Amino acid sequence: MVPLRTRTRSIFAALAALVLPAALLAAPERLHAGQWELTTSHVDGEPDSMKICISAEEAASINGGAKTGRAYAEKQAGEGCKVNDYTVNGNLVTYSVSCGKSTVRAKVTYAGDTSEGETVIQREGQSDIVMHVKGKRLGECPPGEAKP
């Protein structure tokens, strides 16, 4: 007969093996789906705001790891564009996309219902354009604007 103490340890070890991986994978969401307002400011102009709807699929791509995010970015990149880099470090996502003679590099920190980052657009033979981007979730997407 196995002593009670040994059985208790075995059960605890089995539970830990099942529970810990799930707990480690259950990271908080970087970004929530819904309607967002993005405000962009740069040195040479007035701040500009726009509202966009972030679908559940788009949010899931950002909330996943670098592999998931890169796959979605590659799917969204237009013809002739290439995702050069896509990294995730906690709530910080950085990426670089080249299209012809232009390259966009971005660093964005997500906090569920807000985001903040910097985007640099480099075009051959021209000065870099540096933009500071702030985002905030306004709520659910209005009817008719929601994406699947």
C-alpha atoms as a PDB file:
ATOM      1  CA  MET A   1       0.000   0.000   0.000  1.00  0.00           C
ATOM      2  CA  VAL A   2       1.261   3.488  -0.936  1.00  0.00           C
ATOM      3  CA  PRO A   3       1.557   5.858   2.040  1.00  0.00           C
ATOM      4  CA  LEU A   4      -0.957   8.718   2.133  1.00  0.00           C
ATOM      5  CA  ARG A   5       1.800  11.334   2.005  1.00  0.00           C
ATOM      6  CA  THR A   6       3.191   9.830  -1.258  1.00  0.00           C
ATOM      7  CA  ARG A   7      -0.284   9.661  -2.834  1.00  0.00           C
ATOM      8  CA  THR A   8      -0.967  13.290  -1.861  1.00  0.00           C
ATOM      9  CA  ARG A   9       2.290  14.419  -3.466  1.00  0.00           C
ATOM     10  CA  SER A  10       1.503  12.419  -6.608  1.00  0.00           C
ATOM     11  CA  ILE A  11      -1.947  13.980  -6.898  1.00  0.00           C
ATOM     12  CA  PHE A  12      -0.527  17.450  -6.285  1.00  0.00           C
ATOM     13  CA  ALA A  13       2.165  16.908  -8.934  1.00  0.00           C
ATOM     14  CA  ALA A  14      -0.438  15.691 -11.451  1.00  0.00           C
ATOM     15  CA  LEU A  15      -2.679  18.713 -10.784  1.00  0.00           C
ATOM     16  CA  ALA A  16       0.253  21.106 -11.064  1.00  0.00           C
ATOM     17  CA  ALA A  17       1.231  19.548 -14.398  1.00  0.00           C
ATOM     18  CA  LEU A  18      -2.294  20.192 -15.713  1.00  0.00           C
ATOM     19  CA  VAL A  19      -2.939  23.629 -14.202  1.00  0.00           C
ATOM     20  CA  LEU A  20       0.404  25.445 -14.532  1.00  0.00           C
ATOM     21  CA  PRO A  21       0.734  25.324 -18.335  1.00  0.00           C
ATOM     22  CA  ALA A  22      -2.792  26.714 -18.742  1.00  0.00           C
ATOM     23  CA  ALA A  23      -2.067  29.483 -16.222  1.00  0.00           C
ATOM     24  CA  LEU A  24       1.160  30.407 -18.008  1.00  0.00           C
ATOM     25  CA  LEU A  25      -0.616  30.564 -21.374  1.00  0.00           C
ATOM     26  CA  ALA A  26      -3.497  32.677 -20.082  1.00  0.00           C
ATOM     27  CA  ALA A  27      -1.768  36.036 -20.543  1.00  0.00           C
ATOM     28  CA  PRO A  28      -3.905  39.180 -20.348  1.00  0.00           C
ATOM     29  CA  GLU A  29      -5.172  40.503 -23.655  1.00  0.00           C
ATOM     30  CA  ARG A  30      -3.020  43.226 -25.171  1.00  0.00           C
ATOM     31  CA  LEU A  31      -5.907  44.546 -27.265  1.00  0.00           C
ATOM     32  CA  HIS A  32      -9.700  44.276 -27.061  1.00  0.00           C
ATOM     33  CA  ALA A  33     -11.862  44.123 -30.184  1.00  0.00           C
ATOM     34  CA  GLY A  34     -14.246  47.018 -30.815  1.00  0.00           C
ATOM     35  CA  GLN A  35     -14.297  50.609 -32.028  1.00  0.00           C
ATOM     36  CA  TRP A  36     -11.037  52.476 -31.490  1.00  0.00           C
ATOM     37  CA  GLU A  37     -10.022  56.087 -31.902  1.00  0.00           C
ATOM     38  CA  LEU A  38      -6.448  56.536 -33.100  1.00  0.00           C
ATOM     39  CA  THR A  39      -4.782  59.929 -32.737  1.00  0.00           C
ATOM     40  CA  THR A  40      -1.613  60.521 -34.707  1.00  0.00           C
ATOM     41  CA  SER A  41       0.717  63.441 -34.143  1.00  0.00           C
ATOM     42  CA  HIS A  42       3.949  64.352 -35.893  1.00  0.00           C
ATOM     43  CA  VAL A  43       6.358  67.250 -35.996  1.00  0.00           C
ATOM     44  CA  ASP A  44       5.123  68.808 -39.241  1.00  0.00           C
ATOM     45  CA  GLY A  45       1.390  68.870 -38.672  1.00  0.00           C
ATOM     46  CA  GLU A  46      -1.695  68.974 -36.542  1.00  0.00           C
ATOM     47  CA  PRO A  47      -2.827  65.856 -34.703  1.00  0.00           C
ATOM     48  CA  ASP A  48      -5.181  63.711 -36.749  1.00  0.00           C
ATOM     49  CA  SER A  49      -7.808  61.327 -35.368  1.00  0.00           C
ATOM     50  CA  MET A  50      -9.740  58.521 -36.955  1.00  0.00           C
ATOM     51  CA  LYS A  51     -12.102  55.806 -35.765  1.00  0.00           C
ATOM     52  CA  ILE A  52     -11.636  52.196 -36.807  1.00  0.00           C
ATOM     53  CA  CYS A  53     -13.217  48.885 -35.879  1.00  0.00           C
ATOM     54  CA  ILE A  54     -10.861  46.160 -34.667  1.00  0.00           C
ATOM     55  CA  SER A  55     -12.317  42.710 -35.374  1.00  0.00           C
ATOM     56  CA  ALA A  56     -12.016  39.750 -33.038  1.00  0.00           C
ATOM     57  CA  GLU A  57      -9.630  38.182 -35.591  1.00  0.00           C
ATOM     58  CA  GLU A  58      -7.393  41.263 -35.618  1.00  0.00           C
ATOM     59  CA  ALA A  59      -7.376  41.428 -31.808  1.00  0.00           C
ATOM     60  CA  ALA A  60      -6.544  37.709 -31.587  1.00  0.00           C
ATOM     61  CA  SER A  61      -3.575  38.198 -33.926  1.00  0.00           C
ATOM     62  CA  ILE A  62      -2.149  40.911 -31.677  1.00  0.00           C
ATOM     63  CA  ASN A  63      -2.966  39.007 -28.483  1.00  0.00           C
ATOM     64  CA  GLY A  64      -1.186  35.891 -29.752  1.00  0.00           C
ATOM     65  CA  GLY A  65       2.528  35.374 -29.973  1.00  0.00           C
ATOM     66  CA  ALA A  66       4.967  36.659 -32.566  1.00  0.00           C
ATOM     67  CA  LYS A  67       4.208  33.758 -34.918  1.00  0.00           C
ATOM     68  CA  THR A  68       0.458  34.464 -34.922  1.00  0.00           C
ATOM     69  CA  GLY A  69       0.969  38.228 -35.273  1.00  0.00           C
ATOM     70  CA  ARG A  70       3.468  37.861 -38.090  1.00  0.00           C
ATOM     71  CA  ALA A  71       1.198  35.450 -39.983  1.00  0.00           C
ATOM     72  CA  TYR A  72      -1.672  37.956 -39.767  1.00  0.00           C
ATOM     73  CA  ALA A  73       0.595  40.870 -40.779  1.00  0.00           C
ATOM     74  CA  GLU A  74       1.825  38.895 -43.793  1.00  0.00           C
ATOM     75  CA  LYS A  75      -1.784  38.140 -44.748  1.00  0.00           C
ATOM     76  CA  GLN A  76      -2.664  41.848 -44.521  1.00  0.00           C
ATOM     77  CA  ALA A  77       0.459  43.162 -46.297  1.00  0.00           C
ATOM     78  CA  GLY A  78      -0.300  44.219 -49.828  1.00  0.00           C
ATOM     79  CA  GLU A  79       1.224  42.718 -52.923  1.00  0.00           C
ATOM     80  CA  GLY A  80       4.867  43.705 -53.177  1.00  0.00           C
ATOM     81  CA  CYS A  81       5.133  44.195 -49.409  1.00  0.00           C
ATOM     82  CA  LYS A  82       7.214  42.095 -47.023  1.00  0.00           C
ATOM     83  CA  VAL A  83       7.100  41.733 -43.232  1.00  0.00           C
ATOM     84  CA  ASN A  84      10.766  42.030 -42.261  1.00  0.00           C
ATOM     85  CA  ASP A  85      10.387  41.685 -38.502  1.00  0.00           C
ATOM     86  CA  TYR A  86       7.625  41.017 -35.977  1.00  0.00           C
ATOM     87  CA  THR A  87       8.398  40.597 -32.279  1.00  0.00           C
ATOM     88  CA  VAL A  88       6.327  40.446 -29.119  1.00  0.00           C
ATOM     89  CA  ASN A  89       7.764  41.172 -25.689  1.00  0.00           C
ATOM     90  CA  GLY A  90       5.000  41.297 -23.092  1.00  0.00           C
ATOM     91  CA  ASN A  91       2.670  44.138 -24.134  1.00  0.00           C
ATOM     92  CA  LEU A  92       5.217  45.597 -26.583  1.00  0.00           C
ATOM     93  CA  VAL A  93       4.843  44.677 -30.257  1.00  0.00           C
ATOM     94  CA  THR A  94       7.438  45.818 -32.802  1.00  0.00           C
ATOM     95  CA  TYR A  95       7.367  45.235 -36.517  1.00  0.00           C
ATOM     96  CA  SER A  96       8.840  46.340 -39.812  1.00  0.00           C
ATOM     97  CA  VAL A  97       7.182  46.148 -43.235  1.00  0.00           C
ATOM     98  CA  SER A  98       8.758  47.091 -46.576  1.00  0.00           C
ATOM     99  CA  CYS A  99       6.782  48.000 -49.681  1.00  0.00           C
ATOM    100  CA  GLY A 100       8.932  48.852 -52.661  1.00  0.00           C
ATOM    101  CA  LYS A 101      11.273  51.667 -51.621  1.00  0.00           C
ATOM    102  CA  SER A 102       9.386  52.447 -48.400  1.00  0.00           C
ATOM    103  CA  THR A 103       9.732  50.870 -44.969  1.00  0.00           C
ATOM    104  CA  VAL A 104       7.415  51.258 -41.983  1.00  0.00           C
ATOM    105  CA  ARG A 105       8.803  50.481 -38.527  1.00  0.00           C
ATOM    106  CA  ALA A 106       6.545  50.541 -35.490  1.00  0.00           C
ATOM    107  CA  LYS A 107       6.708  49.993 -31.728  1.00  0.00           C
ATOM    108  CA  VAL A 108       3.358  49.768 -29.946  1.00  0.00           C
ATOM    109  CA  THR A 109       2.590  49.128 -26.293  1.00  0.00           C
ATOM    110  CA  TYR A 110      -0.889  47.729 -25.683  1.00  0.00           C
ATOM    111  CA  ALA A 111      -2.865  47.888 -22.435  1.00  0.00           C
ATOM    112  CA  GLY A 112      -6.222  46.268 -23.263  1.00  0.00           C
ATOM    113  CA  ASP A 113      -8.332  49.363 -24.000  1.00  0.00           C
ATOM    114  CA  THR A 114      -5.450  51.732 -24.810  1.00  0.00           C
ATOM    115  CA  SER A 115      -2.311  51.710 -26.912  1.00  0.00           C
ATOM    116  CA  GLU A 116       0.603  54.032 -27.517  1.00  0.00           C
ATOM    117  CA  GLY A 117       3.498  53.863 -29.896  1.00  0.00           C
ATOM    118  CA  GLU A 118       5.720  55.328 -32.545  1.00  0.00           C
ATOM    119  CA  THR A 119       5.705  54.707 -36.273  1.00  0.00           C
ATOM    120  CA  VAL A 120       8.558  55.700 -38.574  1.00  0.00           C
ATOM    121  CA  ILE A 121       8.058  55.788 -42.338  1.00  0.00           C
ATOM    122  CA  GLN A 122      11.282  55.706 -44.332  1.00  0.00           C
ATOM    123  CA  ARG A 123      11.173  56.474 -48.055  1.00  0.00           C
ATOM    124  CA  GLU A 124      14.199  56.362 -50.288  1.00  0.00           C
ATOM    125  CA  GLY A 125      15.580  59.828 -50.916  1.00  0.00           C
ATOM    126  CA  GLN A 126      13.212  61.532 -48.442  1.00  0.00           C
ATOM    127  CA  SER A 127      13.284  62.500 -44.787  1.00  0.00           C
ATOM    128  CA  ASP A 128      11.822  60.023 -42.321  1.00  0.00           C
ATOM    129  CA  ILE A 129       8.304  60.683 -41.096  1.00  0.00           C
ATOM    130  CA  VAL A 130       7.988  60.006 -37.371  1.00  0.00           C
ATOM    131  CA  MET A 131       4.515  59.753 -35.870  1.00  0.00           C
ATOM    132  CA  HIS A 132       3.358  59.247 -32.300  1.00  0.00           C
ATOM    133  CA  VAL A 133       0.139  57.209 -32.196  1.00  0.00           C
ATOM    134  CA  LYS A 134      -2.262  56.908 -29.251  1.00  0.00           C
ATOM    135  CA  GLY A 135      -5.275  54.655 -29.311  1.00  0.00           C
ATOM    136  CA  LYS A 136      -8.250  54.181 -27.048  1.00  0.00           C
ATOM    137  CA  ARG A 137     -11.143  51.774 -27.272  1.00  0.00           C
ATOM    138  CA  LEU A 138     -14.491  53.557 -27.379  1.00  0.00           C
ATOM    139  CA  GLY A 139     -16.720  50.497 -27.038  1.00  0.00           C
ATOM    140  CA  GLU A 140     -18.360  48.050 -29.407  1.00  0.00           C
ATOM    141  CA  CYS A 141     -18.284  48.731 -33.140  1.00  0.00           C
ATOM    142  CA  PRO A 142     -21.415  50.524 -34.404  1.00  0.00           C
ATOM    143  CA  PRO A 143     -23.888  48.297 -36.250  1.00  0.00           C
ATOM    144  CA  GLY A 144     -22.861  47.864 -39.864  1.00  0.00           C
ATOM    145  CA  GLU A 145     -19.200  48.614 -39.142  1.00  0.00           C
ATOM    146  CA  ALA A 146     -18.433  45.484 -37.172  1.00  0.00           C
ATOM    147  CA  LYS A 147     -16.062  43.039 -38.796  1.00  0.00           C
ATOM    148  CA  PRO A 148     -16.398  39.277 -38.327  1.00  0.00           C
END
